[in-house]
Protein backbone atom coordinates (compact mmCIF):
# COMPACT_ATOMS: atom_id res chain seq x y z
CA MET A 1 -7.92 -96.43 -33.44
CA ARG A 2 -10.31 -97.94 -30.93
CA ALA A 3 -12.47 -95.56 -28.90
CA ALA A 4 -15.52 -95.60 -26.62
CA VAL A 5 -18.01 -93.14 -28.10
CA LEU A 6 -21.12 -91.62 -26.52
CA ARG A 7 -23.94 -92.19 -29.00
CA GLU A 8 -26.91 -92.10 -26.64
CA TYR A 9 -27.26 -90.78 -23.09
CA ASN A 10 -27.56 -93.41 -20.34
CA ALA A 11 -26.67 -96.21 -22.76
CA ASP A 12 -23.56 -98.31 -23.31
CA LEU A 13 -20.76 -96.43 -25.04
CA ALA A 14 -20.21 -97.61 -28.61
CA MET A 15 -16.88 -99.37 -29.17
CA GLU A 16 -15.80 -98.01 -32.55
CA GLU A 17 -12.83 -97.68 -34.88
CA VAL A 18 -12.30 -93.95 -35.44
CA PRO A 19 -9.55 -91.95 -37.17
CA GLU A 20 -6.43 -91.20 -35.17
CA PRO A 21 -6.27 -87.57 -33.99
CA THR A 22 -4.46 -84.87 -35.92
CA CYS A 23 -1.50 -83.40 -34.07
CA PRO A 24 -1.99 -79.74 -33.05
CA GLU A 25 0.85 -77.34 -33.90
CA ASP A 26 1.13 -76.27 -30.26
CA GLY A 27 0.71 -79.72 -28.79
CA VAL A 28 1.18 -83.46 -29.02
CA VAL A 29 -0.58 -86.72 -29.68
CA LEU A 30 -0.34 -89.12 -26.76
CA LYS A 31 -0.63 -92.88 -26.81
CA VAL A 32 -2.90 -93.22 -23.81
CA LEU A 33 -1.32 -95.34 -21.09
CA ALA A 34 -4.11 -94.98 -18.54
CA CYS A 35 -7.35 -93.03 -18.12
CA GLY A 36 -9.52 -92.76 -15.02
CA VAL A 37 -13.30 -93.04 -15.02
CA CYS A 38 -14.61 -90.01 -13.14
CA ARG A 39 -17.99 -88.83 -11.87
CA SER A 40 -17.62 -85.88 -14.26
CA ASP A 41 -17.66 -88.42 -17.11
CA TRP A 42 -20.91 -89.74 -15.63
CA HIS A 43 -22.46 -86.24 -15.73
CA GLY A 44 -21.75 -86.18 -19.46
CA TRP A 45 -23.00 -89.74 -19.97
CA THR A 46 -26.35 -88.92 -18.32
CA GLY A 47 -26.81 -85.79 -20.45
CA GLU A 48 -26.61 -83.37 -17.53
CA HIS A 49 -23.25 -81.84 -18.48
CA PRO A 50 -24.17 -78.94 -20.78
CA ARG A 51 -21.10 -79.33 -23.01
CA VAL A 52 -21.14 -83.07 -23.62
CA LYS A 53 -23.10 -84.08 -26.72
CA PRO A 54 -23.62 -87.41 -28.53
CA GLY A 55 -20.56 -88.28 -30.58
CA GLN A 56 -18.21 -87.27 -27.77
CA ILE A 57 -15.24 -89.43 -26.79
CA GLY A 58 -14.99 -88.95 -23.03
CA GLY A 59 -12.07 -89.43 -20.68
CA HIS A 60 -10.21 -86.52 -19.10
CA GLU A 61 -8.00 -88.15 -16.43
CA TYR A 62 -5.19 -89.44 -18.59
CA CYS A 63 -1.48 -89.85 -18.98
CA GLY A 64 0.42 -91.06 -22.00
CA GLU A 65 3.51 -91.19 -24.18
CA VAL A 66 4.13 -88.67 -26.94
CA VAL A 67 3.96 -90.33 -30.38
CA GLU A 68 3.78 -87.10 -32.40
CA ALA A 69 4.76 -83.52 -31.59
CA GLY A 70 3.66 -80.32 -33.33
CA ALA A 71 6.00 -77.68 -34.72
CA ARG A 72 5.47 -75.46 -31.66
CA ALA A 73 5.24 -78.26 -29.11
CA THR A 74 6.94 -78.08 -25.73
CA TYR A 75 7.59 -81.83 -25.57
CA LYS A 76 9.06 -84.44 -27.91
CA VAL A 77 8.33 -87.99 -29.04
CA GLY A 78 8.93 -90.49 -26.26
CA ASP A 79 8.15 -88.16 -23.35
CA ARG A 80 5.73 -89.64 -20.81
CA LEU A 81 3.33 -86.96 -19.60
CA VAL A 82 0.38 -86.34 -17.33
CA ALA A 83 -2.26 -83.84 -18.42
CA PRO A 84 -4.57 -81.58 -16.41
CA PHE A 85 -8.15 -81.73 -17.65
CA ILE A 86 -8.15 -77.95 -18.18
CA LEU A 87 -5.72 -76.94 -20.93
CA ALA A 88 -5.14 -73.20 -20.54
CA CYS A 89 -3.95 -70.85 -23.28
CA GLY A 90 -1.09 -69.41 -21.21
CA SER A 91 -1.41 -65.85 -22.51
CA CYS A 92 -4.69 -64.38 -21.23
CA PRO A 93 -4.93 -62.28 -18.03
CA SER A 94 -6.14 -65.27 -16.01
CA CYS A 95 -3.17 -67.38 -17.09
CA GLN A 96 -0.68 -64.56 -16.65
CA SER A 97 -1.93 -63.95 -13.11
CA GLY A 98 -1.39 -67.61 -12.18
CA HIS A 99 -5.04 -68.68 -12.32
CA SER A 100 -4.89 -70.78 -15.46
CA ASN A 101 -7.70 -73.06 -14.27
CA THR A 102 -10.06 -70.11 -14.93
CA CYS A 103 -8.71 -69.45 -18.46
CA PRO A 104 -11.54 -68.26 -20.75
CA ASN A 105 -9.79 -69.87 -23.76
CA GLN A 106 -9.38 -73.29 -22.16
CA ARG A 107 -9.52 -76.50 -24.18
CA LEU A 108 -11.28 -79.53 -22.71
CA PRO A 109 -10.52 -82.97 -24.18
CA GLY A 110 -13.11 -85.41 -22.91
CA PHE A 111 -15.86 -82.79 -22.68
CA VAL A 112 -15.77 -80.68 -25.85
CA GLU A 113 -12.97 -82.28 -27.88
CA PRO A 114 -12.18 -86.00 -28.22
CA GLY A 115 -10.88 -87.39 -24.95
CA ALA A 116 -8.85 -90.34 -23.72
CA PHE A 117 -11.35 -93.18 -23.75
CA ALA A 118 -9.35 -94.09 -26.83
CA GLU A 119 -5.96 -95.41 -27.85
CA TYR A 120 -4.68 -91.92 -28.73
CA VAL A 121 -5.59 -88.38 -27.72
CA ALA A 122 -4.57 -85.00 -29.13
CA VAL A 123 -3.43 -82.45 -26.55
CA PRO A 124 -3.22 -78.78 -27.60
CA PHE A 125 -1.58 -76.15 -25.34
CA ASP A 126 0.90 -78.81 -24.23
CA HIS A 127 2.70 -76.34 -21.96
CA ASN A 128 0.10 -77.40 -19.38
CA LEU A 129 1.46 -80.96 -19.21
CA ALA A 130 4.02 -82.33 -16.76
CA ARG A 131 6.52 -85.16 -17.02
CA LEU A 132 5.50 -88.41 -15.42
CA PRO A 133 7.92 -89.22 -12.57
CA GLU A 134 9.73 -92.54 -12.90
CA SER A 135 8.40 -93.55 -9.48
CA LEU A 136 4.77 -93.11 -10.52
CA THR A 137 2.91 -95.76 -12.50
CA PRO A 138 0.57 -94.61 -15.29
CA THR A 139 -2.34 -96.20 -13.42
CA VAL A 140 -1.83 -93.98 -10.38
CA ALA A 141 -0.80 -90.97 -12.48
CA ALA A 142 -4.09 -90.96 -14.39
CA GLY A 143 -5.86 -89.46 -11.37
CA LEU A 144 -3.44 -86.53 -11.35
CA GLY A 145 -5.31 -84.95 -14.24
CA CYS A 146 -8.49 -84.30 -12.28
CA ARG A 147 -9.28 -85.78 -8.89
CA VAL A 148 -5.90 -85.47 -7.18
CA THR A 149 -4.97 -82.10 -8.65
CA THR A 150 -8.42 -80.68 -7.98
CA ALA A 151 -8.26 -81.84 -4.35
CA TRP A 152 -4.72 -80.46 -3.98
CA HIS A 153 -5.74 -77.02 -5.20
CA ALA A 154 -8.93 -77.11 -3.11
CA LEU A 155 -6.96 -77.73 0.08
CA THR A 156 -3.93 -75.54 -0.63
CA GLY A 157 -4.98 -72.81 -3.04
CA ARG A 158 -8.53 -72.26 -1.79
CA ALA A 159 -9.04 -73.46 1.81
CA ALA A 160 -5.42 -72.96 2.95
CA LEU A 161 -5.69 -76.03 5.19
CA GLN A 162 -3.31 -75.90 8.16
CA PRO A 163 -1.70 -78.70 10.24
CA GLY A 164 -3.86 -79.72 13.16
CA GLU A 165 -7.11 -78.42 11.66
CA TRP A 166 -10.19 -80.60 11.40
CA LEU A 167 -11.15 -81.46 7.81
CA ALA A 168 -14.54 -82.97 6.95
CA ILE A 169 -14.91 -84.78 3.63
CA HIS A 170 -18.46 -85.35 2.40
CA GLY A 171 -18.35 -88.18 -0.12
CA THR A 172 -15.45 -90.65 -0.37
CA GLY A 173 -15.31 -91.21 -4.11
CA GLY A 174 -12.26 -90.17 -6.11
CA ILE A 175 -12.19 -86.53 -4.97
CA GLY A 176 -12.94 -87.54 -1.39
CA LEU A 177 -10.21 -90.17 -1.26
CA ALA A 178 -7.71 -87.76 -2.78
CA SER A 179 -8.68 -85.10 -0.24
CA LEU A 180 -8.28 -87.62 2.56
CA ILE A 181 -4.79 -88.70 1.51
CA LEU A 182 -3.63 -85.15 0.85
CA GLY A 183 -5.23 -83.73 3.98
CA LYS A 184 -3.59 -86.40 6.10
CA ALA A 185 -0.20 -85.62 4.54
CA MET A 186 -0.77 -81.94 5.35
CA GLY A 187 -1.30 -82.76 9.02
CA ALA A 188 -5.08 -82.35 9.22
CA ARG A 189 -7.44 -84.42 11.36
CA ILE A 190 -9.94 -86.09 9.04
CA ILE A 191 -13.64 -86.94 9.35
CA ALA A 192 -15.07 -88.84 6.38
CA VAL A 193 -18.78 -88.91 5.57
CA ASP A 194 -20.51 -91.36 3.24
CA VAL A 195 -23.50 -93.71 3.04
CA VAL A 196 -21.58 -96.91 2.19
CA LYS A 197 -20.09 -98.79 5.14
CA GLU A 198 -17.35 -100.37 3.02
CA LYS A 199 -16.21 -96.93 1.89
CA LEU A 200 -16.15 -95.65 5.45
CA ASP A 201 -14.11 -98.69 6.54
CA HIS A 202 -11.73 -97.94 3.66
CA ALA A 203 -11.46 -94.33 4.83
CA VAL A 204 -10.41 -95.50 8.31
CA GLN A 205 -7.73 -97.71 6.76
CA MET A 206 -6.48 -94.66 4.86
CA GLY A 207 -6.16 -92.53 7.97
CA ALA A 208 -9.54 -90.96 8.78
CA GLU A 209 -9.75 -90.23 12.50
CA ALA A 210 -13.53 -90.58 12.50
CA VAL A 211 -16.23 -91.62 10.03
CA ILE A 212 -19.95 -90.89 9.86
CA ASN A 213 -22.66 -92.72 7.96
CA ALA A 214 -24.92 -89.97 6.63
CA ARG A 215 -27.85 -92.40 6.51
CA ASP A 216 -28.03 -92.08 10.30
CA GLY A 217 -28.96 -88.40 9.96
CA ASP A 218 -27.85 -85.11 11.57
CA THR A 219 -24.33 -85.31 10.18
CA ALA A 220 -23.40 -81.75 11.10
CA THR A 221 -24.34 -82.14 14.77
CA ARG A 222 -22.30 -85.31 15.12
CA ILE A 223 -19.29 -83.67 13.48
CA LYS A 224 -19.52 -80.75 15.89
CA GLU A 225 -19.64 -83.17 18.81
CA ILE A 226 -16.57 -85.08 17.61
CA THR A 227 -14.54 -81.93 16.90
CA GLY A 228 -15.65 -79.88 19.88
CA GLY A 229 -17.33 -77.16 17.89
CA GLY A 230 -17.03 -77.99 14.20
CA CYS A 231 -14.48 -78.42 11.44
CA HIS A 232 -12.16 -75.71 10.22
CA VAL A 233 -12.46 -76.88 6.60
CA SER A 234 -15.09 -78.98 4.87
CA VAL A 235 -14.93 -80.42 1.36
CA GLU A 236 -18.12 -81.24 -0.52
CA ALA A 237 -17.29 -83.93 -3.08
CA LEU A 238 -20.63 -84.87 -4.64
CA GLY A 239 -22.41 -81.71 -5.81
CA ILE A 240 -25.84 -82.35 -4.26
CA PRO A 241 -27.88 -80.26 -1.78
CA GLU A 242 -27.76 -82.74 1.10
CA THR A 243 -23.98 -82.91 1.30
CA THR A 244 -23.52 -79.22 0.48
CA ASN A 245 -25.67 -78.21 3.44
CA ALA A 246 -24.06 -80.78 5.73
CA SER A 247 -20.66 -79.40 4.73
CA ILE A 248 -21.65 -75.82 5.50
CA GLU A 249 -23.46 -76.67 8.74
CA CYS A 250 -20.62 -78.78 10.18
CA LEU A 251 -18.18 -75.84 10.26
CA ARG A 252 -17.09 -73.90 13.31
CA PRO A 253 -17.18 -70.07 13.22
CA LEU A 254 -14.88 -68.71 10.48
CA GLY A 255 -14.78 -72.13 8.86
CA ARG A 256 -14.16 -72.68 5.13
CA HIS A 257 -16.43 -74.70 2.85
CA VAL A 258 -14.95 -75.82 -0.48
CA GLN A 259 -17.35 -76.84 -3.26
CA VAL A 260 -15.48 -79.49 -5.24
CA GLY A 261 -18.40 -81.69 -6.28
CA MET A 262 -19.91 -80.53 -9.58
CA PRO A 263 -23.38 -78.98 -9.26
CA VAL A 264 -24.73 -79.51 -12.77
CA GLY A 265 -28.04 -80.31 -14.43
CA HIS A 266 -30.78 -80.65 -11.83
CA THR A 267 -28.39 -79.68 -9.00
CA ALA A 268 -26.95 -76.60 -10.72
CA LYS A 269 -29.20 -74.45 -8.56
CA MET A 270 -29.86 -75.60 -5.01
CA GLU A 271 -31.22 -74.25 -1.74
CA ILE A 272 -28.49 -73.88 0.87
CA ASN A 273 -28.42 -72.69 4.47
CA MET A 274 -27.27 -69.11 4.05
CA SER A 275 -28.22 -68.40 7.66
CA ALA A 276 -25.42 -70.74 8.77
CA VAL A 277 -23.04 -68.87 6.46
CA TYR A 278 -24.13 -65.52 7.89
CA LEU A 279 -24.16 -66.47 11.57
CA GLY A 280 -20.90 -68.42 11.40
CA ASN A 281 -18.98 -65.84 9.37
CA LEU A 282 -18.17 -68.70 7.01
CA ALA A 283 -16.22 -68.58 3.75
CA LEU A 284 -17.53 -70.46 0.72
CA TYR A 285 -15.03 -71.38 -1.99
CA GLY A 286 -15.68 -72.80 -5.42
CA THR A 287 -12.87 -74.70 -7.09
CA ARG A 288 -12.35 -76.49 -10.42
CA GLY A 289 -9.11 -78.04 -11.55
CA MET A 290 -5.64 -76.75 -10.67
CA PRO A 291 -3.29 -74.23 -12.29
CA ALA A 292 -0.68 -76.26 -14.16
CA TRP A 293 2.20 -74.42 -12.47
CA LYS A 294 1.31 -76.24 -9.22
CA TYR A 295 2.24 -79.67 -10.59
CA PRO A 296 5.82 -79.54 -9.19
CA SER A 297 4.58 -79.00 -5.63
CA LEU A 298 2.40 -82.10 -5.86
CA LEU A 299 4.74 -84.31 -7.87
CA GLY A 300 7.63 -83.36 -5.59
CA LEU A 301 5.82 -84.76 -2.56
CA ILE A 302 5.07 -87.97 -4.45
CA GLU A 303 8.66 -88.37 -5.65
CA ALA A 304 9.95 -87.73 -2.12
CA GLY A 305 7.82 -90.58 -0.82
CA ARG A 306 5.64 -88.32 1.32
CA LEU A 307 2.49 -89.08 -0.67
CA ASP A 308 1.18 -92.45 -1.83
CA MET A 309 -1.89 -92.11 -4.00
CA SER A 310 -2.07 -95.81 -4.93
CA PRO A 311 -4.72 -96.68 -2.27
CA MET A 312 -7.21 -94.74 -4.40
CA ILE A 313 -7.02 -97.32 -7.20
CA ALA A 314 -9.50 -100.16 -6.80
CA ARG A 315 -9.83 -101.56 -10.31
CA GLU A 316 -7.90 -101.65 -13.58
CA ILE A 317 -10.34 -102.19 -16.41
CA ALA A 318 -10.54 -102.55 -20.19
CA LEU A 319 -11.94 -99.81 -22.40
CA SER A 320 -15.05 -101.93 -22.94
CA GLY A 321 -15.69 -101.80 -19.18
CA VAL A 322 -16.17 -98.03 -19.01
CA SER A 323 -19.93 -98.28 -19.54
CA ASP A 324 -20.34 -100.49 -16.48
CA GLU A 325 -18.33 -98.05 -14.38
CA LEU A 326 -20.42 -95.12 -15.56
CA ARG A 327 -23.62 -96.97 -14.81
CA ALA A 328 -22.37 -97.72 -11.29
CA PHE A 329 -22.37 -93.99 -10.52
CA ASN A 330 -26.19 -94.13 -10.65
CA GLY A 331 -26.09 -95.43 -7.08
CA PRO A 332 -23.68 -95.75 -4.16
CA THR A 333 -20.34 -96.93 -5.50
CA PRO A 334 -17.81 -99.34 -3.97
CA PRO A 335 -14.54 -98.07 -2.46
CA GLY A 336 -11.82 -96.77 -4.77
CA VAL A 337 -11.70 -95.69 -8.39
CA ALA A 338 -11.42 -97.45 -11.74
CA VAL A 339 -8.70 -96.79 -14.30
CA VAL A 340 -8.64 -97.96 -17.92
CA THR A 341 -5.30 -99.61 -18.66
CA ASP A 342 -6.32 -102.01 -21.45
CA PHE A 343 -7.35 -100.15 -24.61
CA LYS A 344 -7.75 -103.25 -26.77
CA GLY A 345 -10.20 -105.12 -24.52
């Protein structure tokens, strides 16, 4: 099968013919229908993700059709499924308590095992997967494996966002756009922060009540002026010190900061304003992925027509175009996200 393989950090992925994956007994092999290109893939491509090594096939935001099912598989050939990027074992204390996204036995296609920048991908622990609704195209569904589900859990399972609350979103890439759409659907008032005017204009079109260009400085003060005291919830969607501190400092007393952006490599340890946390009685939440049991709550809103995630998608690309998309993350990116839908090109 054709796959895009990491052979050297910060270099074009190698387009290679590799063996098709072996079907796991407790899982399936999917023919990949679509796979998003995510900033987390970029962390691996640059060499800053500690688990991603040369030889890796990336791609963790995927959906596909079952072409082979293992003896203990949950699904059958022909099923169209969407996969979370964290595949949890289902039997450990974390899984049994409902927190499968913290499973110590998790499997990670795209980071440790071969991912979906390929024509086919093996998916163990297939009880984590969910059926693709008829109303959802594979292109839009690809984001449900990482960006959308992560944002959904950040807002519902961690921050407990309430209708009428102010929500600040620092960074309007994939996670930021997903948070904006979901936060709007939940009845929040949205402020979007970025450094690219086109992305801020896009955020307004998608329902942001106010936008701030962080290049102008003093983001937190301006947010407090707009909101009359600060946001109730703030999502950091980049994983860098500047936006992390702006997110913390823009909150009103008892506000909730959610760290969604991945602090890894040179940003794994950063200096943050703990005085603001202390004086404001703030809550800081980390979040990564979403427990698979929450898929019905998200998919139900989409099927009911209460959520439209399609405005996130900016570009459909060929597999050979992944390298260009990864390289684009080195600087400010254009609005929207890219999804691989052509695995032959």
